[in-house]
Amino acid sequence: MYALVEILGKQYRAEEGQVLQVDLLNQEEGSSYETDKVLAVVDGDNARFGTPYVSGASIQATVGSEVKGEKVKVYKFHRRKGYRRTQGHRQQYTLITVNKINA
């Protein structure tokens, strides 16, 4: 059984016991997180799709640690002008563990 879930505007495939890496949540580590923005619930041959969300469906998860993603380098360059700029960025993520899918 899995569910397609929308968290902070992005869609994830969530299964029970799975650890998801989502954008940074404003919650403490160890707290519970629940959302009812479930787009689809698939259980074997049975599938329920929402318009846009499945009514009565939700997921319960536990908030884990905050991690940083890989470094992305941004390089700007204008030829023949002596213009060169290098900038780096590391996105922050939150790890959540899906405990239960309520269909």
C-alpha atoms as a PDB file:
ATOM      1  CA  MET A   1       0.000   0.000   0.000  1.00  0.00           C
ATOM      2  CA  TYR A   2       1.304   3.434  -0.894  1.00  0.00           C
ATOM      3  CA  ALA A   3      -0.019   6.955  -1.185  1.00  0.00           C
ATOM      4  CA  LEU A   4       0.855   9.971  -3.280  1.00  0.00           C
ATOM      5  CA  VAL A   5       1.141  12.909  -0.887  1.00  0.00           C
ATOM      6  CA  GLU A   6       1.601  16.646  -1.362  1.00  0.00           C
ATOM      7  CA  ILE A   7       3.945  18.236   1.195  1.00  0.00           C
ATOM      8  CA  LEU A   8       4.812  21.930   0.839  1.00  0.00           C
ATOM      9  CA  GLY A   9       3.761  21.971  -2.814  1.00  0.00           C
ATOM     10  CA  LYS A  10       5.795  18.920  -3.873  1.00  0.00           C
ATOM     11  CA  GLN A  11       4.518  15.395  -4.454  1.00  0.00           C
ATOM     12  CA  TYR A  12       6.000  12.269  -2.854  1.00  0.00           C
ATOM     13  CA  ARG A  13       5.262   8.558  -2.942  1.00  0.00           C
ATOM     14  CA  ALA A  14       4.888   7.430   0.669  1.00  0.00           C
ATOM     15  CA  GLU A  15       4.849   3.885   2.042  1.00  0.00           C
ATOM     16  CA  GLU A  16       4.560   2.861   5.683  1.00  0.00           C
ATOM     17  CA  GLY A  17       7.976   2.734   7.352  1.00  0.00           C
ATOM     18  CA  GLN A  18       9.641   4.727   4.572  1.00  0.00           C
ATOM     19  CA  VAL A  19      11.894   7.723   5.284  1.00  0.00           C
ATOM     20  CA  LEU A  20      11.152  10.716   3.046  1.00  0.00           C
ATOM     21  CA  GLN A  21      13.440  13.682   2.470  1.00  0.00           C
ATOM     22  CA  VAL A  22      11.157  16.723   2.184  1.00  0.00           C
ATOM     23  CA  ASP A  23      11.782  20.455   2.152  1.00  0.00           C
ATOM     24  CA  LEU A  24      12.557  22.040   5.500  1.00  0.00           C
ATOM     25  CA  LEU A  25       9.608  21.809   7.918  1.00  0.00           C
ATOM     26  CA  ASN A  26       9.192  24.245  10.764  1.00  0.00           C
ATOM     27  CA  GLN A  27       8.808  21.494  13.393  1.00  0.00           C
ATOM     28  CA  GLU A  28      10.959  20.024  16.127  1.00  0.00           C
ATOM     29  CA  GLU A  29      12.721  16.698  15.809  1.00  0.00           C
ATOM     30  CA  GLY A  30      10.633  13.855  17.219  1.00  0.00           C
ATOM     31  CA  SER A  31       7.286  15.634  16.845  1.00  0.00           C
ATOM     32  CA  SER A  32       4.433  14.146  14.857  1.00  0.00           C
ATOM     33  CA  TYR A  33       3.402  15.426  11.440  1.00  0.00           C
ATOM     34  CA  GLU A  34       0.033  14.756   9.854  1.00  0.00           C
ATOM     35  CA  THR A  35      -1.319  15.853   6.498  1.00  0.00           C
ATOM     36  CA  ASP A  36      -4.577  15.203   4.688  1.00  0.00           C
ATOM     37  CA  LYS A  37      -3.306  16.318   1.273  1.00  0.00           C
ATOM     38  CA  VAL A  38      -3.349  12.808  -0.170  1.00  0.00           C
ATOM     39  CA  LEU A  39      -3.658  12.731  -3.957  1.00  0.00           C
ATOM     40  CA  ALA A  40      -4.039   8.960  -4.379  1.00  0.00           C
ATOM     41  CA  VAL A  41      -4.120   5.771  -2.315  1.00  0.00           C
ATOM     42  CA  VAL A  42      -3.145   2.495  -4.018  1.00  0.00           C
ATOM     43  CA  ASP A  43      -3.651  -0.867  -2.302  1.00  0.00           C
ATOM     44  CA  GLY A  44      -2.931  -3.703  -4.711  1.00  0.00           C
ATOM     45  CA  ASP A  45      -5.631  -3.554  -7.399  1.00  0.00           C
ATOM     46  CA  ASN A  46      -7.697  -0.996  -5.482  1.00  0.00           C
ATOM     47  CA  ALA A  47      -6.830   2.615  -6.258  1.00  0.00           C
ATOM     48  CA  ARG A  48      -8.557   5.790  -5.095  1.00  0.00           C
ATOM     49  CA  PHE A  49      -7.767   9.102  -6.737  1.00  0.00           C
ATOM     50  CA  GLY A  50      -8.830  12.479  -5.426  1.00  0.00           C
ATOM     51  CA  THR A  51     -10.050  15.628  -7.127  1.00  0.00           C
ATOM     52  CA  PRO A  52      -7.614  17.020  -6.033  1.00  0.00           C
ATOM     53  CA  TYR A  53      -7.428  15.202  -2.658  1.00  0.00           C
ATOM     54  CA  VAL A  54      -8.869  11.887  -1.452  1.00  0.00           C
ATOM     55  CA  SER A  55     -11.540  12.607   1.148  1.00  0.00           C
ATOM     56  CA  GLY A  56     -10.897  11.014   4.533  1.00  0.00           C
ATOM     57  CA  ALA A  57      -7.356   9.959   3.681  1.00  0.00           C
ATOM     58  CA  SER A  58      -4.310  11.150   5.622  1.00  0.00           C
ATOM     59  CA  ILE A  59      -0.799  10.125   6.602  1.00  0.00           C
ATOM     60  CA  GLN A  60       0.877  10.247   9.984  1.00  0.00           C
ATOM     61  CA  ALA A  61       4.633  10.701  10.199  1.00  0.00           C
ATOM     62  CA  THR A  62       7.381  11.427  12.702  1.00  0.00           C
ATOM     63  CA  VAL A  63       9.743  14.322  12.088  1.00  0.00           C
ATOM     64  CA  GLY A  64      13.396  13.328  12.052  1.00  0.00           C
ATOM     65  CA  SER A  65      16.610  15.269  11.725  1.00  0.00           C
ATOM     66  CA  GLU A  66      17.449  18.146   9.419  1.00  0.00           C
ATOM     67  CA  VAL A  67      20.043  17.459   6.728  1.00  0.00           C
ATOM     68  CA  LYS A  68      21.695  19.427   3.950  1.00  0.00           C
ATOM     69  CA  GLY A  69      21.619  18.398   0.313  1.00  0.00           C
ATOM     70  CA  GLU A  70      24.551  18.312  -2.033  1.00  0.00           C
ATOM     71  CA  LYS A  71      26.309  21.531  -2.947  1.00  0.00           C
ATOM     72  CA  VAL A  72      25.203  23.215  -6.155  1.00  0.00           C
ATOM     73  CA  LYS A  73      27.664  25.577  -7.827  1.00  0.00           C
ATOM     74  CA  VAL A  74      26.380  28.586  -9.752  1.00  0.00           C
ATOM     75  CA  TYR A  75      28.806  30.204 -12.173  1.00  0.00           C
ATOM     76  CA  LYS A  76      28.051  33.425 -14.045  1.00  0.00           C
ATOM     77  CA  PHE A  77      30.281  34.546 -16.913  1.00  0.00           C
ATOM     78  CA  HIS A  78      30.193  37.344 -19.484  1.00  0.00           C
ATOM     79  CA  ARG A  79      32.726  36.886 -22.231  1.00  0.00           C
ATOM     80  CA  ARG A  80      35.250  39.627 -22.951  1.00  0.00           C
ATOM     81  CA  LYS A  81      34.032  41.714 -19.985  1.00  0.00           C
ATOM     82  CA  GLY A  82      36.101  40.316 -17.131  1.00  0.00           C
ATOM     83  CA  TYR A  83      32.910  39.312 -15.305  1.00  0.00           C
ATOM     84  CA  ARG A  84      33.016  36.033 -13.390  1.00  0.00           C
ATOM     85  CA  ARG A  85      30.999  35.136 -10.284  1.00  0.00           C
ATOM     86  CA  THR A  86      30.883  31.836  -8.421  1.00  0.00           C
ATOM     87  CA  GLN A  87      28.265  31.072  -5.832  1.00  0.00           C
ATOM     88  CA  GLY A  88      27.349  27.900  -3.965  1.00  0.00           C
ATOM     89  CA  HIS A  89      24.104  26.696  -2.414  1.00  0.00           C
ATOM     90  CA  ARG A  90      23.106  23.786  -0.145  1.00  0.00           C
ATOM     91  CA  GLN A  91      19.390  23.169   0.305  1.00  0.00           C
ATOM     92  CA  GLN A  92      18.155  22.110   3.743  1.00  0.00           C
ATOM     93  CA  TYR A  93      15.814  19.144   4.082  1.00  0.00           C
ATOM     94  CA  THR A  94      13.871  17.411   6.845  1.00  0.00           C
ATOM     95  CA  LEU A  95      13.712  13.627   7.126  1.00  0.00           C
ATOM     96  CA  ILE A  96      10.273  12.263   8.039  1.00  0.00           C
ATOM     97  CA  THR A  97       9.312   8.646   8.720  1.00  0.00           C
ATOM     98  CA  VAL A  98       5.852   7.594   7.534  1.00  0.00           C
ATOM     99  CA  ASN A  99       4.133   5.719  10.351  1.00  0.00           C
ATOM    100  CA  LYS A 100       0.627   5.121   9.044  1.00  0.00           C
ATOM    101  CA  ILE A 101      -1.471   5.700   5.933  1.00  0.00           C
ATOM    102  CA  ASN A 102      -5.136   6.216   6.788  1.00  0.00           C
ATOM    103  CA  ALA A 103      -7.223   5.370   3.751  1.00  0.00           C
END
